[in-house]
Amino acid sequence: MPDFAEPVERLIDQLKHLPGIGAKTAQRLAFHILRIAPEDALALADAIRDAKLNMRFCSRVATYTGTRSALYIAAHAQQNRMFNLASRIASARASASSGAMRRI
């Protein structure tokens, strides 16, 4: 790789750590970031920092959640309860219409 200024080298090196990004792609991305407007580059940096600092992986719902994770989990749990209730009602109706309940 050609010699670039230290900040550019650091940027390229960090971009190479991303999955599927090799040296050439990292270099292209770095130069793209340097070409865009400063406010756009800083917005990208802020979005990365914000996501990294404020998002957590929730194994219960198998997704990333932010500050409202408890609300998301509660809504997901309520949705599961409603689905389970609907499944039980459908199962009971199917059993009743098949005559399975009369055999007992």
N, C-alpha and C. Protein backbone atom coordinates (compact mmCIF):
# COMPACT_ATOMS: atom_id res chain seq x y z
N MET A 1 0.85 -1.18 0.00
CA MET A 1 0.00 0.00 0.00
C MET A 1 0.89 1.23 0.00
N PRO A 2 0.54 2.23 -0.82
CA PRO A 2 1.34 3.46 -0.85
C PRO A 2 1.33 4.14 0.51
N ASP A 3 2.32 4.97 0.71
CA ASP A 3 2.39 5.72 1.97
C ASP A 3 1.43 6.91 1.91
N PHE A 4 0.56 6.97 2.91
CA PHE A 4 -0.37 8.08 3.05
C PHE A 4 -0.08 8.76 4.37
N ALA A 5 -0.65 9.91 4.55
CA ALA A 5 -0.52 10.61 5.83
C ALA A 5 -1.07 9.71 6.95
N GLU A 6 -0.53 9.84 8.13
CA GLU A 6 -0.88 8.96 9.26
C GLU A 6 -2.38 8.88 9.52
N PRO A 7 -3.13 10.00 9.51
CA PRO A 7 -4.57 9.88 9.74
C PRO A 7 -5.28 9.04 8.68
N VAL A 8 -4.85 9.15 7.42
CA VAL A 8 -5.45 8.37 6.34
C VAL A 8 -5.09 6.90 6.51
N GLU A 9 -3.84 6.61 6.86
CA GLU A 9 -3.41 5.23 7.11
C GLU A 9 -4.25 4.61 8.23
N ARG A 10 -4.48 5.40 9.30
CA ARG A 10 -5.29 4.90 10.42
C ARG A 10 -6.71 4.61 9.98
N LEU A 11 -7.29 5.50 9.19
CA LEU A 11 -8.65 5.31 8.69
C LEU A 11 -8.73 4.06 7.82
N ILE A 12 -7.80 3.89 6.92
CA ILE A 12 -7.78 2.71 6.06
C ILE A 12 -7.65 1.45 6.90
N ASP A 13 -6.75 1.48 7.88
CA ASP A 13 -6.54 0.31 8.73
C ASP A 13 -7.81 -0.05 9.51
N GLN A 14 -8.52 0.93 10.01
CA GLN A 14 -9.75 0.67 10.76
C GLN A 14 -10.84 0.13 9.83
N LEU A 15 -10.94 0.66 8.64
CA LEU A 15 -11.96 0.19 7.69
C LEU A 15 -11.69 -1.25 7.26
N LYS A 16 -10.42 -1.65 7.21
CA LYS A 16 -10.07 -3.03 6.83
C LYS A 16 -10.58 -4.04 7.84
N HIS A 17 -10.87 -3.61 9.06
CA HIS A 17 -11.37 -4.52 10.09
C HIS A 17 -12.84 -4.88 9.89
N LEU A 18 -13.53 -4.14 9.03
CA LEU A 18 -14.94 -4.44 8.77
C LEU A 18 -15.05 -5.72 7.95
N PRO A 19 -16.10 -6.52 8.19
CA PRO A 19 -16.25 -7.77 7.43
C PRO A 19 -16.40 -7.51 5.93
N GLY A 20 -15.68 -8.25 5.14
CA GLY A 20 -15.77 -8.15 3.70
C GLY A 20 -15.02 -6.98 3.10
N ILE A 21 -14.27 -6.24 3.89
CA ILE A 21 -13.55 -5.07 3.41
C ILE A 21 -12.05 -5.39 3.39
N GLY A 22 -11.50 -5.41 2.19
CA GLY A 22 -10.06 -5.62 2.04
C GLY A 22 -9.33 -4.30 1.95
N ALA A 23 -8.04 -4.37 1.66
CA ALA A 23 -7.21 -3.17 1.61
C ALA A 23 -7.67 -2.17 0.55
N LYS A 24 -7.98 -2.66 -0.65
CA LYS A 24 -8.38 -1.74 -1.74
C LYS A 24 -9.72 -1.07 -1.44
N THR A 25 -10.66 -1.86 -0.96
CA THR A 25 -11.98 -1.29 -0.64
C THR A 25 -11.85 -0.31 0.52
N ALA A 26 -11.05 -0.63 1.51
CA ALA A 26 -10.83 0.27 2.64
C ALA A 26 -10.24 1.59 2.15
N GLN A 27 -9.32 1.50 1.22
CA GLN A 27 -8.71 2.71 0.67
C GLN A 27 -9.75 3.54 -0.09
N ARG A 28 -10.59 2.88 -0.88
CA ARG A 28 -11.65 3.59 -1.63
C ARG A 28 -12.62 4.27 -0.66
N LEU A 29 -13.03 3.54 0.38
CA LEU A 29 -13.94 4.12 1.37
C LEU A 29 -13.30 5.30 2.09
N ALA A 30 -12.04 5.17 2.45
CA ALA A 30 -11.34 6.25 3.14
C ALA A 30 -11.32 7.51 2.28
N PHE A 31 -10.99 7.35 0.99
CA PHE A 31 -10.95 8.53 0.12
C PHE A 31 -12.34 9.08 -0.15
N HIS A 32 -13.35 8.22 -0.15
CA HIS A 32 -14.72 8.72 -0.27
C HIS A 32 -15.07 9.57 0.94
N ILE A 33 -14.75 9.07 2.12
CA ILE A 33 -15.04 9.82 3.36
C ILE A 33 -14.31 11.16 3.35
N LEU A 34 -13.08 11.18 2.84
CA LEU A 34 -12.33 12.44 2.78
C LEU A 34 -12.91 13.42 1.76
N ARG A 35 -13.57 12.90 0.72
CA ARG A 35 -14.15 13.77 -0.32
C ARG A 35 -15.49 14.37 0.08
N ILE A 36 -16.26 13.68 0.92
CA ILE A 36 -17.60 14.19 1.25
C ILE A 36 -17.49 15.42 2.15
N ALA A 37 -18.59 16.11 2.28
CA ALA A 37 -18.62 17.32 3.11
C ALA A 37 -18.26 16.97 4.56
N PRO A 38 -17.55 17.87 5.23
CA PRO A 38 -17.15 17.59 6.61
C PRO A 38 -18.33 17.22 7.52
N GLU A 39 -19.46 17.90 7.33
CA GLU A 39 -20.61 17.59 8.19
C GLU A 39 -21.15 16.18 7.94
N ASP A 40 -21.03 15.69 6.70
CA ASP A 40 -21.47 14.33 6.40
C ASP A 40 -20.52 13.30 7.02
N ALA A 41 -19.23 13.57 6.94
CA ALA A 41 -18.25 12.66 7.55
C ALA A 41 -18.43 12.63 9.07
N LEU A 42 -18.65 13.78 9.66
CA LEU A 42 -18.84 13.83 11.11
C LEU A 42 -20.16 13.19 11.52
N ALA A 43 -21.19 13.31 10.67
CA ALA A 43 -22.48 12.65 10.95
C ALA A 43 -22.30 11.14 10.95
N LEU A 44 -21.49 10.63 10.02
CA LEU A 44 -21.19 9.20 9.99
C LEU A 44 -20.47 8.78 11.26
N ALA A 45 -19.46 9.54 11.65
CA ALA A 45 -18.72 9.23 12.87
C ALA A 45 -19.64 9.27 14.10
N ASP A 46 -20.51 10.27 14.16
CA ASP A 46 -21.45 10.37 15.27
C ASP A 46 -22.43 9.20 15.30
N ALA A 47 -22.91 8.78 14.13
CA ALA A 47 -23.85 7.65 14.07
C ALA A 47 -23.18 6.37 14.55
N ILE A 48 -21.93 6.16 14.17
CA ILE A 48 -21.19 4.97 14.63
C ILE A 48 -21.01 5.03 16.14
N ARG A 49 -20.57 6.17 16.65
CA ARG A 49 -20.35 6.32 18.09
C ARG A 49 -21.66 6.13 18.86
N ASP A 50 -22.74 6.75 18.39
CA ASP A 50 -24.03 6.67 19.07
C ASP A 50 -24.54 5.23 19.11
N ALA A 51 -24.45 4.53 17.99
CA ALA A 51 -24.90 3.13 17.95
C ALA A 51 -24.07 2.27 18.87
N LYS A 52 -22.77 2.47 18.86
CA LYS A 52 -21.88 1.65 19.68
C LYS A 52 -22.10 1.90 21.17
N LEU A 53 -22.33 3.13 21.55
CA LEU A 53 -22.49 3.46 22.97
C LEU A 53 -23.88 3.17 23.51
N ASN A 54 -24.90 3.24 22.66
CA ASN A 54 -26.28 3.17 23.16
C ASN A 54 -27.04 1.90 22.82
N MET A 55 -26.50 1.05 21.99
CA MET A 55 -27.21 -0.16 21.60
C MET A 55 -26.61 -1.37 22.29
N ARG A 56 -27.48 -2.29 22.68
CA ARG A 56 -27.06 -3.52 23.34
C ARG A 56 -27.78 -4.68 22.67
N PHE A 57 -27.11 -5.82 22.61
CA PHE A 57 -27.75 -7.01 22.05
C PHE A 57 -28.61 -7.64 23.13
N CYS A 58 -29.87 -7.87 22.82
CA CYS A 58 -30.80 -8.50 23.75
C CYS A 58 -31.00 -9.94 23.29
N SER A 59 -30.50 -10.89 24.06
CA SER A 59 -30.60 -12.29 23.66
C SER A 59 -32.04 -12.80 23.74
N ARG A 60 -32.85 -12.15 24.53
CA ARG A 60 -34.24 -12.59 24.65
C ARG A 60 -35.02 -12.41 23.36
N VAL A 61 -34.80 -11.29 22.70
CA VAL A 61 -35.51 -11.04 21.45
C VAL A 61 -34.58 -11.13 20.24
N ALA A 62 -33.32 -11.45 20.47
CA ALA A 62 -32.32 -11.67 19.42
C ALA A 62 -32.19 -10.49 18.46
N THR A 63 -32.06 -9.31 19.02
CA THR A 63 -31.85 -8.12 18.21
C THR A 63 -31.14 -7.07 19.06
N TYR A 64 -30.72 -6.00 18.43
CA TYR A 64 -30.11 -4.90 19.16
C TYR A 64 -31.20 -3.96 19.62
N THR A 65 -31.08 -3.50 20.85
CA THR A 65 -32.07 -2.60 21.41
C THR A 65 -31.36 -1.41 22.04
N GLY A 66 -32.08 -0.31 22.13
CA GLY A 66 -31.52 0.90 22.72
C GLY A 66 -32.10 1.14 24.10
N THR A 67 -32.34 2.39 24.41
CA THR A 67 -32.80 2.76 25.74
C THR A 67 -34.21 2.25 26.02
N ARG A 68 -34.96 1.94 25.00
CA ARG A 68 -36.33 1.45 25.20
C ARG A 68 -36.41 -0.06 25.18
N SER A 69 -35.32 -0.74 25.50
CA SER A 69 -35.31 -2.19 25.40
C SER A 69 -36.37 -2.84 26.28
N ALA A 70 -36.60 -2.28 27.47
CA ALA A 70 -37.61 -2.87 28.36
C ALA A 70 -39.00 -2.77 27.73
N LEU A 71 -39.29 -1.64 27.09
CA LEU A 71 -40.58 -1.49 26.42
C LEU A 71 -40.70 -2.45 25.25
N TYR A 72 -39.61 -2.63 24.51
CA TYR A 72 -39.61 -3.54 23.37
C TYR A 72 -39.86 -4.97 23.85
N ILE A 73 -39.17 -5.36 24.92
CA ILE A 73 -39.34 -6.71 25.47
C ILE A 73 -40.75 -6.90 25.98
N ALA A 74 -41.30 -5.90 26.66
CA ALA A 74 -42.67 -6.01 27.17
C ALA A 74 -43.66 -6.16 26.02
N ALA A 75 -43.48 -5.38 24.96
CA ALA A 75 -44.38 -5.47 23.81
C ALA A 75 -44.24 -6.84 23.14
N HIS A 76 -43.02 -7.33 23.05
CA HIS A 76 -42.77 -8.64 22.44
C HIS A 76 -43.41 -9.74 23.29
N ALA A 77 -43.29 -9.64 24.61
CA ALA A 77 -43.89 -10.63 25.50
C ALA A 77 -45.41 -10.61 25.38
N GLN A 78 -46.01 -9.43 25.30
CA GLN A 78 -47.46 -9.30 25.13
C GLN A 78 -47.88 -9.93 23.81
N GLN A 79 -47.11 -9.69 22.77
CA GLN A 79 -47.42 -10.27 21.46
C GLN A 79 -47.36 -11.80 21.53
N ASN A 80 -46.37 -12.35 22.23
CA ASN A 80 -46.27 -13.80 22.40
C ASN A 80 -47.46 -14.37 23.16
N ARG A 81 -47.88 -13.66 24.23
CA ARG A 81 -49.03 -14.13 25.00
C ARG A 81 -50.29 -14.16 24.14
N MET A 82 -50.49 -13.12 23.33
CA MET A 82 -51.66 -13.06 22.47
C MET A 82 -51.62 -14.18 21.43
N PHE A 83 -50.43 -14.45 20.87
CA PHE A 83 -50.28 -15.52 19.89
C PHE A 83 -50.58 -16.87 20.53
N ASN A 84 -50.06 -17.10 21.74
CA ASN A 84 -50.31 -18.37 22.43
C ASN A 84 -51.78 -18.55 22.74
N LEU A 85 -52.46 -17.49 23.17
CA LEU A 85 -53.88 -17.57 23.46
C LEU A 85 -54.66 -17.88 22.18
N ALA A 86 -54.32 -17.20 21.08
CA ALA A 86 -55.00 -17.45 19.81
C ALA A 86 -54.76 -18.89 19.35
N SER A 87 -53.56 -19.40 19.56
CA SER A 87 -53.25 -20.78 19.18
C SER A 87 -54.07 -21.77 19.99
N ARG A 88 -54.21 -21.51 21.29
CA ARG A 88 -55.00 -22.41 22.14
C ARG A 88 -56.47 -22.40 21.75
N ILE A 89 -56.99 -21.21 21.43
CA ILE A 89 -58.39 -21.11 21.02
C ILE A 89 -58.60 -21.87 19.71
N ALA A 90 -57.71 -21.69 18.76
CA ALA A 90 -57.82 -22.39 17.47
C ALA A 90 -57.72 -23.89 17.67
N SER A 91 -56.84 -24.33 18.55
CA SER A 91 -56.68 -25.75 18.81
C SER A 91 -57.93 -26.33 19.47
N ALA A 92 -58.50 -25.58 20.40
CA ALA A 92 -59.72 -26.04 21.07
C ALA A 92 -60.88 -26.13 20.08
N ARG A 93 -60.98 -25.15 19.19
CA ARG A 93 -62.05 -25.18 18.18
C ARG A 93 -61.87 -26.37 17.23
N ALA A 94 -60.62 -26.63 16.84
CA ALA A 94 -60.34 -27.76 15.96
C ALA A 94 -60.69 -29.07 16.64
N SER A 95 -60.37 -29.19 17.92
CA SER A 95 -60.69 -30.42 18.67
C SER A 95 -62.20 -30.58 18.79
N ALA A 96 -62.90 -29.48 19.07
CA ALA A 96 -64.35 -29.56 19.23
C ALA A 96 -65.04 -29.93 17.92
N SER A 97 -64.55 -29.37 16.81
CA SER A 97 -65.22 -29.66 15.53
C SER A 97 -64.88 -31.05 15.03
N SER A 98 -63.77 -31.64 15.49
CA SER A 98 -63.42 -32.98 15.02
C SER A 98 -64.08 -34.07 15.87
N GLY A 99 -64.73 -33.67 16.95
CA GLY A 99 -65.37 -34.64 17.81
C GLY A 99 -64.44 -35.22 18.84
N ALA A 100 -63.25 -34.75 18.92
CA ALA A 100 -62.28 -35.28 19.90
C ALA A 100 -62.76 -35.05 21.32
N MET A 101 -63.46 -33.97 21.56
CA MET A 101 -63.93 -33.67 22.91
C MET A 101 -65.02 -34.66 23.34
N ARG A 102 -65.82 -35.17 22.41
CA ARG A 102 -66.91 -36.10 22.76
C ARG A 102 -66.38 -37.46 23.16
N ARG A 103 -65.22 -37.82 22.66
CA ARG A 103 -64.67 -39.15 22.95
C ARG A 103 -64.14 -39.27 24.36
N ILE A 104 -63.89 -38.17 24.99
CA ILE A 104 -63.31 -38.23 26.35
C ILE A 104 -64.34 -38.56 27.38
